[in-house]
C-alpha atoms as a PDB file:
ATOM      1  CA  MET A   1      76.186 120.290 110.314  1.00  0.00           C
ATOM      2  CA  ARG A   2      79.782 121.475 110.676  1.00  0.00           C
ATOM      3  CA  ILE A   3      82.339 119.381 108.587  1.00  0.00           C
ATOM      4  CA  LEU A   4      86.031 119.524 108.662  1.00  0.00           C
ATOM      5  CA  VAL A   5      87.613 118.292 105.475  1.00  0.00           C
ATOM      6  CA  THR A   6      91.398 117.705 105.650  1.00  0.00           C
ATOM      7  CA  GLY A   7      93.136 117.658 102.292  1.00  0.00           C
ATOM      8  CA  GLY A   8      90.155 119.538 100.975  1.00  0.00           C
ATOM      9  CA  ALA A   9      91.985 121.447  98.248  1.00  0.00           C
ATOM     10  CA  GLY A  10      93.170 118.298  96.503  1.00  0.00           C
ATOM     11  CA  PHE A  11      91.414 116.408  93.648  1.00  0.00           C
ATOM     12  CA  ILE A  12      88.901 114.202  95.585  1.00  0.00           C
ATOM     13  CA  GLY A  13      88.657 116.408  98.715  1.00  0.00           C
ATOM     14  CA  SER A  14      87.781 119.570  96.721  1.00  0.00           C
ATOM     15  CA  HIS A  15      85.127 117.627  94.861  1.00  0.00           C
ATOM     16  CA  PHE A  16      83.602 116.421  98.132  1.00  0.00           C
ATOM     17  CA  VAL A  17      83.608 119.992  99.398  1.00  0.00           C
ATOM     18  CA  ARG A  18      81.989 121.415  96.235  1.00  0.00           C
ATOM     19  CA  THR A  19      79.253 118.812  96.215  1.00  0.00           C
ATOM     20  CA  ALA A  20      78.539 118.681  99.997  1.00  0.00           C
ATOM     21  CA  ALA A  21      75.364 120.142 101.417  1.00  0.00           C
ATOM     22  CA  ALA A  22      76.391 121.462 104.865  1.00  0.00           C
ATOM     23  CA  GLU A  23      75.806 124.463 106.991  1.00  0.00           C
ATOM     24  CA  ARG A  24      79.490 125.079 107.545  1.00  0.00           C
ATOM     25  CA  ILE A  25      82.658 123.484 105.988  1.00  0.00           C
ATOM     26  CA  THR A  26      86.185 124.009 107.034  1.00  0.00           C
ATOM     27  CA  VAL A  27      88.978 123.019 104.793  1.00  0.00           C
ATOM     28  CA  LEU A  28      92.429 122.231 106.211  1.00  0.00           C
ATOM     29  CA  ASP A  29      95.106 121.731 103.593  1.00  0.00           C
ATOM     30  CA  ARG A  30      98.826 122.105 103.584  1.00  0.00           C
ATOM     31  CA  LEU A  31      98.634 123.354  99.964  1.00  0.00           C
ATOM     32  CA  THR A  32     101.483 121.186  98.633  1.00  0.00           C
ATOM     33  CA  TYR A  33     102.056 120.727  94.900  1.00  0.00           C
ATOM     34  CA  ALA A  34      99.004 118.612  94.233  1.00  0.00           C
ATOM     35  CA  ALA A  35      96.573 120.948  96.026  1.00  0.00           C
ATOM     36  CA  ASP A  36      95.129 124.095  94.594  1.00  0.00           C
ATOM     37  CA  PRO A  37      92.910 126.679  96.203  1.00  0.00           C
ATOM     38  CA  ALA A  38      91.229 127.344  92.897  1.00  0.00           C
ATOM     39  CA  ASN A  39      89.808 123.907  93.124  1.00  0.00           C
ATOM     40  CA  LEU A  40      87.522 125.374  95.804  1.00  0.00           C
ATOM     41  CA  ASP A  41      86.276 128.341  93.726  1.00  0.00           C
ATOM     42  CA  GLY A  42      82.516 128.665  94.195  1.00  0.00           C
ATOM     43  CA  ALA A  43      82.526 126.482  97.343  1.00  0.00           C
ATOM     44  CA  ASP A  44      81.074 127.900 100.463  1.00  0.00           C
ATOM     45  CA  CYS A  45      83.888 126.983 102.959  1.00  0.00           C
ATOM     46  CA  GLU A  46      86.617 128.462 105.157  1.00  0.00           C
ATOM     47  CA  VAL A  47      90.179 127.454 104.122  1.00  0.00           C
ATOM     48  CA  VAL A  48      92.862 127.004 106.721  1.00  0.00           C
ATOM     49  CA  GLU A  49      96.397 126.469 105.386  1.00  0.00           C
ATOM     50  CA  GLY A  50      97.991 123.967 107.784  1.00  0.00           C
ATOM     51  CA  ASP A  51      99.291 120.464 108.370  1.00  0.00           C
ATOM     52  CA  ILE A  52      97.507 117.574 109.950  1.00  0.00           C
ATOM     53  CA  CYS A  53     100.758 116.740 111.788  1.00  0.00           C
ATOM     54  CA  ASP A  54     100.416 120.100 113.650  1.00  0.00           C
ATOM     55  CA  ALA A  55      98.850 119.017 116.875  1.00  0.00           C
ATOM     56  CA  GLY A  56      98.488 122.510 118.276  1.00  0.00           C
ATOM     57  CA  LEU A  57      96.629 123.660 115.053  1.00  0.00           C
ATOM     58  CA  LEU A  58      94.402 120.551 115.285  1.00  0.00           C
ATOM     59  CA  ARG A  59      93.523 121.419 118.851  1.00  0.00           C
ATOM     60  CA  ARG A  60      92.292 124.883 117.756  1.00  0.00           C
ATOM     61  CA  ILE A  61      90.255 123.889 114.684  1.00  0.00           C
ATOM     62  CA  VAL A  62      88.863 120.361 115.233  1.00  0.00           C
ATOM     63  CA  PRO A  63      86.499 121.117 118.209  1.00  0.00           C
ATOM     64  CA  GLY A  64      83.002 121.947 117.280  1.00  0.00           C
ATOM     65  CA  HIS A  65      82.813 119.913 114.049  1.00  0.00           C
ATOM     66  CA  ASP A  66      80.194 117.139 113.752  1.00  0.00           C
ATOM     67  CA  LEU A  67      82.088 115.292 111.100  1.00  0.00           C
ATOM     68  CA  VAL A  68      85.772 115.026 110.085  1.00  0.00           C
ATOM     69  CA  VAL A  69      86.680 113.560 106.732  1.00  0.00           C
ATOM     70  CA  ASN A  70      90.358 112.946 106.134  1.00  0.00           C
ATOM     71  CA  PHE A  71      91.549 113.164 102.500  1.00  0.00           C
ATOM     72  CA  ALA A  72      95.000 114.476 103.472  1.00  0.00           C
ATOM     73  CA  ALA A  73      97.700 112.183 102.123  1.00  0.00           C
ATOM     74  CA  GLU A  74     100.814 111.854 100.002  1.00  0.00           C
ATOM     75  CA  SER A  75      99.491 109.568  97.257  1.00  0.00           C
ATOM     76  CA  HIS A  76     101.769 109.116  94.290  1.00  0.00           C
ATOM     77  CA  VAL A  77     103.453 105.712  94.180  1.00  0.00           C
ATOM     78  CA  ASP A  78     106.399 106.782  92.064  1.00  0.00           C
ATOM     79  CA  ARG A  79     107.232 109.599  94.444  1.00  0.00           C
ATOM     80  CA  SER A  80     107.103 107.155  97.454  1.00  0.00           C
ATOM     81  CA  ILE A  81     109.556 104.805  95.710  1.00  0.00           C
ATOM     82  CA  GLU A  82     111.984 107.763  95.289  1.00  0.00           C
ATOM     83  CA  GLY A  83     111.621 108.693  98.976  1.00  0.00           C
ATOM     84  CA  ALA A  84     109.156 107.325 101.598  1.00  0.00           C
ATOM     85  CA  ALA A  85     109.778 109.693 104.527  1.00  0.00           C
ATOM     86  CA  GLU A  86     107.177 112.267 103.626  1.00  0.00           C
ATOM     87  CA  PHE A  87     104.640 109.555 103.012  1.00  0.00           C
ATOM     88  CA  VAL A  88     105.186 107.995 106.528  1.00  0.00           C
ATOM     89  CA  ARG A  89     105.077 111.438 108.071  1.00  0.00           C
ATOM     90  CA  THR A  90     101.702 112.476 106.566  1.00  0.00           C
ATOM     91  CA  ASN A  91      99.945 109.079 106.085  1.00  0.00           C
ATOM     92  CA  VAL A  92     100.927 107.636 109.450  1.00  0.00           C
ATOM     93  CA  LEU A  93     101.951 110.322 111.854  1.00  0.00           C
ATOM     94  CA  GLY A  94      99.512 112.805 110.417  1.00  0.00           C
ATOM     95  CA  VAL A  95      96.672 110.338 110.870  1.00  0.00           C
ATOM     96  CA  GLN A  96      97.677 109.589 114.476  1.00  0.00           C
ATOM     97  CA  ALA A  97      97.705 113.392 115.244  1.00  0.00           C
ATOM     98  CA  LEU A  98      94.273 113.837 113.579  1.00  0.00           C
ATOM     99  CA  MET A  99      92.710 110.837 115.259  1.00  0.00           C
ATOM    100  CA  ARG A 100      94.048 112.091 118.656  1.00  0.00           C
ATOM    101  CA  ALA A 101      92.535 115.507 118.076  1.00  0.00           C
ATOM    102  CA  CYS A 102      89.176 114.008 117.090  1.00  0.00           C
ATOM    103  CA  LEU A 103      89.245 111.948 120.278  1.00  0.00           C
ATOM    104  CA  ASP A 104      90.035 114.868 122.513  1.00  0.00           C
ATOM    105  CA  ALA A 105      87.292 116.967 120.769  1.00  0.00           C
ATOM    106  CA  GLU A 106      84.733 114.148 120.979  1.00  0.00           C
ATOM    107  CA  VAL A 107      83.995 114.413 117.298  1.00  0.00           C
ATOM    108  CA  PRO A 108      80.759 112.407 116.700  1.00  0.00           C
ATOM    109  CA  LYS A 109      81.919 110.795 113.363  1.00  0.00           C
ATOM    110  CA  VAL A 110      85.205 110.508 111.449  1.00  0.00           C
ATOM    111  CA  VAL A 111      85.778 109.153 107.995  1.00  0.00           C
ATOM    112  CA  HIS A 112      89.333 108.175 106.960  1.00  0.00           C
ATOM    113  CA  VAL A 113      89.791 107.810 103.276  1.00  0.00           C
ATOM    114  CA  SER A 114      92.118 105.019 102.205  1.00  0.00           C
ATOM    115  CA  THR A 115      93.036 102.968  99.196  1.00  0.00           C
ATOM    116  CA  ASP A 116      92.637  99.477  97.710  1.00  0.00           C
ATOM    117  CA  GLU A 117      96.485  99.404  97.466  1.00  0.00           C
ATOM    118  CA  VAL A 118      96.705  98.428 101.154  1.00  0.00           C
ATOM    119  CA  TYR A 119      95.641  94.868 100.247  1.00  0.00           C
ATOM    120  CA  GLY A 120      98.429  94.278  97.794  1.00  0.00           C
ATOM    121  CA  SER A 121      97.940  92.474  94.467  1.00  0.00           C
ATOM    122  CA  ILE A 122      95.306  89.751  93.869  1.00  0.00           C
ATOM    123  CA  GLU A 123      95.455  87.226  90.974  1.00  0.00           C
ATOM    124  CA  THR A 124      91.802  86.328  90.953  1.00  0.00           C
ATOM    125  CA  GLY A 125      88.616  87.294  92.751  1.00  0.00           C
ATOM    126  CA  SER A 126      88.140  90.461  94.805  1.00  0.00           C
ATOM    127  CA  TRP A 127      89.225  91.619  98.262  1.00  0.00           C
ATOM    128  CA  GLU A 128      86.675  91.698 101.015  1.00  0.00           C
ATOM    129  CA  GLU A 129      87.278  94.165 103.909  1.00  0.00           C
ATOM    130  CA  GLN A 130      88.637  91.463 106.345  1.00  0.00           C
ATOM    131  CA  ALA A 131      91.377  90.450 103.843  1.00  0.00           C
ATOM    132  CA  PRO A 132      94.869  90.732 105.293  1.00  0.00           C
ATOM    133  CA  LEU A 133      96.856  93.912 104.440  1.00  0.00           C
ATOM    134  CA  ARG A 134      99.813  93.137 102.231  1.00  0.00           C
ATOM    135  CA  PRO A 135     101.069  96.499 100.878  1.00  0.00           C
ATOM    136  CA  ARG A 136     103.776  96.280  98.240  1.00  0.00           C
ATOM    137  CA  SER A 137     104.869  99.958  97.793  1.00  0.00           C
ATOM    138  CA  PRO A 138     105.990 102.555 100.289  1.00  0.00           C
ATOM    139  CA  TYR A 139     102.875 104.506  99.563  1.00  0.00           C
ATOM    140  CA  ALA A 140     100.581 101.609 100.194  1.00  0.00           C
ATOM    141  CA  ALA A 141     102.450 100.702 103.364  1.00  0.00           C
ATOM    142  CA  SER A 142     102.091 104.180 104.732  1.00  0.00           C
ATOM    143  CA  LYS A 143      98.336 104.154 103.972  1.00  0.00           C
ATOM    144  CA  ALA A 144      97.986 100.709 105.720  1.00  0.00           C
ATOM    145  CA  GLY A 145      99.841 102.162 108.713  1.00  0.00           C
ATOM    146  CA  GLY A 146      97.402 105.037 108.890  1.00  0.00           C
ATOM    147  CA  ASP A 147      94.425 102.616 108.548  1.00  0.00           C
ATOM    148  CA  LEU A 148      95.700 100.561 111.489  1.00  0.00           C
ATOM    149  CA  VAL A 149      96.264 103.654 113.651  1.00  0.00           C
ATOM    150  CA  ALA A 150      92.673 104.697 113.093  1.00  0.00           C
ATOM    151  CA  LEU A 151      91.226 101.308 113.743  1.00  0.00           C
ATOM    152  CA  ALA A 152      93.226 100.932 116.960  1.00  0.00           C
ATOM    153  CA  ASP A 153      91.791 104.212 118.211  1.00  0.00           C
ATOM    154  CA  ALA A 154      88.395 102.818 117.393  1.00  0.00           C
ATOM    155  CA  THR A 155      89.084  99.756 119.453  1.00  0.00           C
ATOM    156  CA  THR A 156      91.040 101.225 122.310  1.00  0.00           C
ATOM    157  CA  HIS A 157      89.393 104.523 122.787  1.00  0.00           C
ATOM    158  CA  GLY A 158      86.016 104.090 121.036  1.00  0.00           C
ATOM    159  CA  LEU A 159      86.793 106.691 118.333  1.00  0.00           C
ATOM    160  CA  PRO A 160      83.745 106.703 115.989  1.00  0.00           C
ATOM    161  CA  VAL A 161      85.872 106.322 112.808  1.00  0.00           C
ATOM    162  CA  VAL A 162      84.960 104.454 109.629  1.00  0.00           C
ATOM    163  CA  ILE A 163      87.454 103.754 106.807  1.00  0.00           C
ATOM    164  CA  THR A 164      86.755 103.761 103.123  1.00  0.00           C
ATOM    165  CA  ARG A 165      89.073 101.921 100.594  1.00  0.00           C
ATOM    166  CA  CYS A 166      88.590 102.862  97.054  1.00  0.00           C
ATOM    167  CA  GLY A 167      89.941 101.889  93.618  1.00  0.00           C
ATOM    168  CA  ASN A 168      91.493 104.393  91.077  1.00  0.00           C
ATOM    169  CA  THR A 169      89.570 107.587  90.981  1.00  0.00           C
ATOM    170  CA  TYR A 170      89.344 109.870  87.951  1.00  0.00           C
ATOM    171  CA  GLY A 171      87.765 113.048  86.923  1.00  0.00           C
ATOM    172  CA  PRO A 172      88.448 116.773  86.402  1.00  0.00           C
ATOM    173  CA  ARG A 173      91.117 118.633  88.360  1.00  0.00           C
ATOM    174  CA  GLN A 174      93.307 115.618  89.054  1.00  0.00           C
ATOM    175  CA  PHE A 175      96.920 116.618  89.253  1.00  0.00           C
ATOM    176  CA  PRO A 176      98.688 115.494  86.107  1.00  0.00           C
ATOM    177  CA  GLU A 177     100.961 112.897  87.493  1.00  0.00           C
ATOM    178  CA  LYS A 178      98.308 110.143  87.585  1.00  0.00           C
ATOM    179  CA  ILE A 179      97.816 108.101  84.515  1.00  0.00           C
ATOM    180  CA  ILE A 180      94.646 109.561  83.040  1.00  0.00           C
ATOM    181  CA  PRO A 181      95.536 113.353  83.354  1.00  0.00           C
ATOM    182  CA  LEU A 182      99.181 112.596  82.553  1.00  0.00           C
ATOM    183  CA  PHE A 183      98.308 110.772  79.326  1.00  0.00           C
ATOM    184  CA  VAL A 184      95.574 113.216  78.294  1.00  0.00           C
ATOM    185  CA  THR A 185      97.660 116.307  78.807  1.00  0.00           C
ATOM    186  CA  ASN A 186     100.788 114.715  77.143  1.00  0.00           C
ATOM    187  CA  LEU A 187      98.681 113.857  74.059  1.00  0.00           C
ATOM    188  CA  LEU A 188      96.957 117.258  73.980  1.00  0.00           C
ATOM    189  CA  THR A 189     100.499 118.781  73.830  1.00  0.00           C
ATOM    190  CA  GLY A 190     101.932 116.352  71.227  1.00  0.00           C
ATOM    191  CA  ARG A 191     104.034 114.387  73.718  1.00  0.00           C
ATOM    192  CA  LYS A 192     104.237 110.627  73.819  1.00  0.00           C
ATOM    193  CA  VAL A 193     102.811 108.711  76.833  1.00  0.00           C
ATOM    194  CA  PRO A 194     104.929 106.355  78.928  1.00  0.00           C
ATOM    195  CA  LEU A 195     103.292 102.876  79.400  1.00  0.00           C
ATOM    196  CA  TYR A 196     104.878 100.710  82.078  1.00  0.00           C
ATOM    197  CA  GLY A 197     105.978  97.196  81.141  1.00  0.00           C
ATOM    198  CA  ASP A 198     103.566  95.109  79.119  1.00  0.00           C
ATOM    199  CA  GLY A 199     100.562  97.272  80.168  1.00  0.00           C
ATOM    200  CA  GLY A 200      98.820  94.262  81.634  1.00  0.00           C
ATOM    201  CA  ASN A 201      98.312  95.693  85.134  1.00  0.00           C
ATOM    202  CA  VAL A 202      94.622  95.762  85.998  1.00  0.00           C
ATOM    203  CA  ARG A 203      92.886  98.555  87.898  1.00  0.00           C
ATOM    204  CA  GLU A 204      89.337  99.440  88.772  1.00  0.00           C
ATOM    205  CA  TRP A 205      88.148 102.929  87.825  1.00  0.00           C
ATOM    206  CA  ILE A 206      85.612 105.058  89.628  1.00  0.00           C
ATOM    207  CA  HIS A 207      84.457 108.585  88.833  1.00  0.00           C
ATOM    208  CA  VAL A 208      85.240 111.045  91.602  1.00  0.00           C
ATOM    209  CA  ASP A 209      81.437 111.862  91.886  1.00  0.00           C
ATOM    210  CA  ASP A 210      80.718 108.266  92.771  1.00  0.00           C
ATOM    211  CA  HIS A 211      83.657 108.100  95.124  1.00  0.00           C
ATOM    212  CA  CYS A 212      82.511 111.116  97.059  1.00  0.00           C
ATOM    213  CA  ARG A 213      78.930 109.852  97.084  1.00  0.00           C
ATOM    214  CA  ALA A 214      80.135 106.628  98.656  1.00  0.00           C
ATOM    215  CA  ILE A 215      81.945 108.635 101.396  1.00  0.00           C
ATOM    216  CA  ARG A 216      78.789 110.626 102.224  1.00  0.00           C
ATOM    217  CA  ILE A 217      76.846 107.483 102.493  1.00  0.00           C
ATOM    218  CA  VAL A 218      79.485 105.891 104.856  1.00  0.00           C
ATOM    219  CA  ALA A 219      79.669 109.106 106.861  1.00  0.00           C
ATOM    220  CA  GLU A 220      75.848 108.914 107.485  1.00  0.00           C
ATOM    221  CA  HIS A 221      75.279 105.181 107.818  1.00  0.00           C
ATOM    222  CA  GLY A 222      78.630 103.413 108.298  1.00  0.00           C
ATOM    223  CA  VAL A 223      79.243 101.569 111.554  1.00  0.00           C
ATOM    224  CA  PRO A 224      82.079 103.010 113.615  1.00  0.00           C
ATOM    225  CA  GLY A 225      85.163 100.847 113.599  1.00  0.00           C
ATOM    226  CA  GLU A 226      84.297  99.263 110.250  1.00  0.00           C
ATOM    227  CA  VAL A 227      85.938  99.311 106.818  1.00  0.00           C
ATOM    228  CA  TYR A 228      83.936  99.786 103.542  1.00  0.00           C
ATOM    229  CA  ASN A 229      85.379  99.033 100.197  1.00  0.00           C
ATOM    230  CA  VAL A 230      84.454 101.262  97.237  1.00  0.00           C
ATOM    231  CA  ALA A 231      84.717  99.358  94.086  1.00  0.00           C
ATOM    232  CA  GLY A 232      85.105 100.850  90.643  1.00  0.00           C
ATOM    233  CA  SER A 233      82.591 100.609  87.899  1.00  0.00           C
ATOM    234  CA  THR A 234      85.088  99.381  85.296  1.00  0.00           C
ATOM    235  CA  SER A 235      88.110  97.170  85.376  1.00  0.00           C
ATOM    236  CA  LEU A 236      90.796  97.668  82.697  1.00  0.00           C
ATOM    237  CA  THR A 237      94.363  96.824  81.946  1.00  0.00           C
ATOM    238  CA  ASN A 238      96.549  99.866  81.512  1.00  0.00           C
ATOM    239  CA  LEU A 239      96.868  98.837  77.892  1.00  0.00           C
ATOM    240  CA  GLU A 240      93.117  98.882  77.441  1.00  0.00           C
ATOM    241  CA  LEU A 241      92.941 102.275  79.175  1.00  0.00           C
ATOM    242  CA  THR A 242      95.662 103.680  76.998  1.00  0.00           C
ATOM    243  CA  GLY A 243      93.731 102.630  73.883  1.00  0.00           C
ATOM    244  CA  ARG A 244      90.631 104.412  75.127  1.00  0.00           C
ATOM    245  CA  LEU A 245      92.618 107.575  75.809  1.00  0.00           C
ATOM    246  CA  LEU A 246      94.326 107.564  72.440  1.00  0.00           C
ATOM    247  CA  ALA A 247      90.844 107.208  70.784  1.00  0.00           C
ATOM    248  CA  ALA A 248      89.471 110.053  72.927  1.00  0.00           C
ATOM    249  CA  VAL A 249      92.009 112.531  71.664  1.00  0.00           C
ATOM    250  CA  GLY A 250      92.395 111.139  68.127  1.00  0.00           C
ATOM    251  CA  ALA A 251      95.888 109.925  68.587  1.00  0.00           C
ATOM    252  CA  ASP A 252      97.654 106.730  67.238  1.00  0.00           C
ATOM    253  CA  TRP A 253      99.695 104.071  69.025  1.00  0.00           C
ATOM    254  CA  ASP A 254     102.902 105.641  67.778  1.00  0.00           C
ATOM    255  CA  MET A 255     102.293 108.129  70.541  1.00  0.00           C
ATOM    256  CA  VAL A 256     103.019 105.388  73.169  1.00  0.00           C
ATOM    257  CA  GLU A 257     106.394 104.894  74.507  1.00  0.00           C
ATOM    258  CA  ARG A 258     107.147 101.624  76.355  1.00  0.00           C
ATOM    259  CA  VAL A 259     109.147 102.238  79.530  1.00  0.00           C
ATOM    260  CA  ALA A 260     110.637  99.858  82.181  1.00  0.00           C
ATOM    261  CA  ASP A 261     108.097  98.602  84.596  1.00  0.00           C
ATOM    262  CA  ARG A 262     107.716 100.321  87.961  1.00  0.00           C
ATOM    263  CA  LYS A 263     109.509  98.617  90.892  1.00  0.00           C
ATOM    264  CA  GLY A 264     107.076  96.230  92.743  1.00  0.00           C
ATOM    265  CA  HIS A 265     104.267  97.142  90.462  1.00  0.00           C
ATOM    266  CA  ASP A 266     101.037  95.420  91.607  1.00  0.00           C
ATOM    267  CA  ARG A 267      99.473  93.331  88.904  1.00  0.00           C
ATOM    268  CA  ARG A 268      95.794  93.470  89.718  1.00  0.00           C
ATOM    269  CA  TYR A 269      93.381  95.215  92.035  1.00  0.00           C
ATOM    270  CA  SER A 270      89.751  94.194  92.555  1.00  0.00           C
ATOM    271  CA  LEU A 271      87.393  95.100  95.454  1.00  0.00           C
ATOM    272  CA  ASP A 272      84.207  93.452  96.715  1.00  0.00           C
ATOM    273  CA  ASP A 273      81.938  96.320  97.789  1.00  0.00           C
ATOM    274  CA  ALA A 274      78.818  94.353  98.819  1.00  0.00           C
ATOM    275  CA  LYS A 275      79.085  95.754 102.320  1.00  0.00           C
ATOM    276  CA  LEU A 276      78.804  99.311 100.929  1.00  0.00           C
ATOM    277  CA  ARG A 277      76.037  98.352  98.599  1.00  0.00           C
ATOM    278  CA  ALA A 278      74.039  97.095 101.678  1.00  0.00           C
ATOM    279  CA  LEU A 279      74.049 100.727 102.792  1.00  0.00           C
ATOM    280  CA  GLY A 280      72.347 101.768  99.486  1.00  0.00           C
ATOM    281  CA  TYR A 281      75.288 102.733  97.352  1.00  0.00           C
ATOM    282  CA  ARG A 282      75.338 102.161  93.530  1.00  0.00           C
ATOM    283  CA  PRO A 283      77.666 103.730  91.054  1.00  0.00           C
ATOM    284  CA  GLY A 284      76.042 106.409  88.968  1.00  0.00           C
ATOM    285  CA  VAL A 285      78.602 107.509  86.400  1.00  0.00           C
ATOM    286  CA  ASP A 286      79.062 105.330  83.395  1.00  0.00           C
ATOM    287  CA  PHE A 287      82.815 104.963  82.583  1.00  0.00           C
ATOM    288  CA  GLU A 288      82.528 105.798  78.903  1.00  0.00           C
ATOM    289  CA  ARG A 289      80.651 108.980  79.665  1.00  0.00           C
ATOM    290  CA  GLY A 290      82.812 109.884  82.624  1.00  0.00           C
ATOM    291  CA  LEU A 291      85.970 109.338  80.745  1.00  0.00           C
ATOM    292  CA  ALA A 292      84.772 111.381  77.788  1.00  0.00           C
ATOM    293  CA  GLU A 293      83.673 114.257  80.048  1.00  0.00           C
ATOM    294  CA  THR A 294      87.020 114.103  81.832  1.00  0.00           C
ATOM    295  CA  VAL A 295      89.070 114.307  78.641  1.00  0.00           C
ATOM    296  CA  ARG A 296      86.955 117.223  77.483  1.00  0.00           C
ATOM    297  CA  TRP A 297      87.580 119.080  80.725  1.00  0.00           C
ATOM    298  CA  TYR A 298      91.308 118.843  80.244  1.00  0.00           C
ATOM    299  CA  ALA A 299      90.990 119.910  76.701  1.00  0.00           C
ATOM    300  CA  ASP A 300      88.822 122.917  77.666  1.00  0.00           C
ATOM    301  CA  ASN A 301      91.001 123.967  80.589  1.00  0.00           C
ATOM    302  CA  PRO A 302      94.615 124.129  79.618  1.00  0.00           C
ATOM    303  CA  SER A 303      95.283 127.107  81.920  1.00  0.00           C
ATOM    304  CA  TRP A 304      94.578 124.887  84.858  1.00  0.00           C
ATOM    305  CA  TRP A 305      97.108 122.104  84.089  1.00  0.00           C
ATOM    306  CA  LYS A 306      99.852 123.725  81.939  1.00  0.00           C
ATOM    307  CA  GLU A 307     101.367 125.409  84.804  1.00  0.00           C
ATOM    308  CA  LYS A 308     101.296 122.207  86.841  1.00  0.00           C
ATOM    309  CA  ARG A 309     103.355 120.126  84.442  1.00  0.00           C
END
């Protein structure tokens, strides 16, 4: 099988590449700040530096692949609040260009990787896939736009695309702007950690290995034109998560600095993944073990993250 992985030098995409069993893998990545070719060390793949918005490049490299998995995205909410243009460019226009190229090349299966944030915030219960999209940040709005573009191509043109929407993913090699690597690397270097608001915002957490396994299951068994939620194995407030990270590195609460809450900060996310579980998926990484292993990886690999801060 020939697989094209866009955004394959980033955190989740590179893990997918390193753990995939395929005859040939091509990675397309723009190699922006959150991507690192070193993430692909040891992986058997061809790396092409390029942009999913580049229609000419896509026409050259997409044909001949049996599966395209799209991880390419601008993904940091805070950056999207500061400026949304790059998010719309990559997460909407880039998706449109990639889906068009997949149509023209008659790719047999496409997986578009999205996020639970497209649903907005939910007070109680869990979102099912048919829930309306109510994104509340520029990042989430751009991801929702990309989802709709992909689904429109499925309906209008018969593009065999499936969409996954996942909760907060954690694990080694995540760029230190997201909460777990940011807090861990701050604490390891004696810096305080910034906790938004009252810390009561609730997120679901899933290890990157489980996330990638879910994507592989959907790639093999998912029905074209459908969406599959990928729920986390653990739900925590940011305050609870902070406590666990402090304990993991032996730090006290005096290392926590309360900061003003993020604009439009969603209060709670929760996904119903019964549809995915019907395909045989079950999470395999216990959160306590996964978090401990992740913290240990950052402690053991300062050369990887110190230059990225």
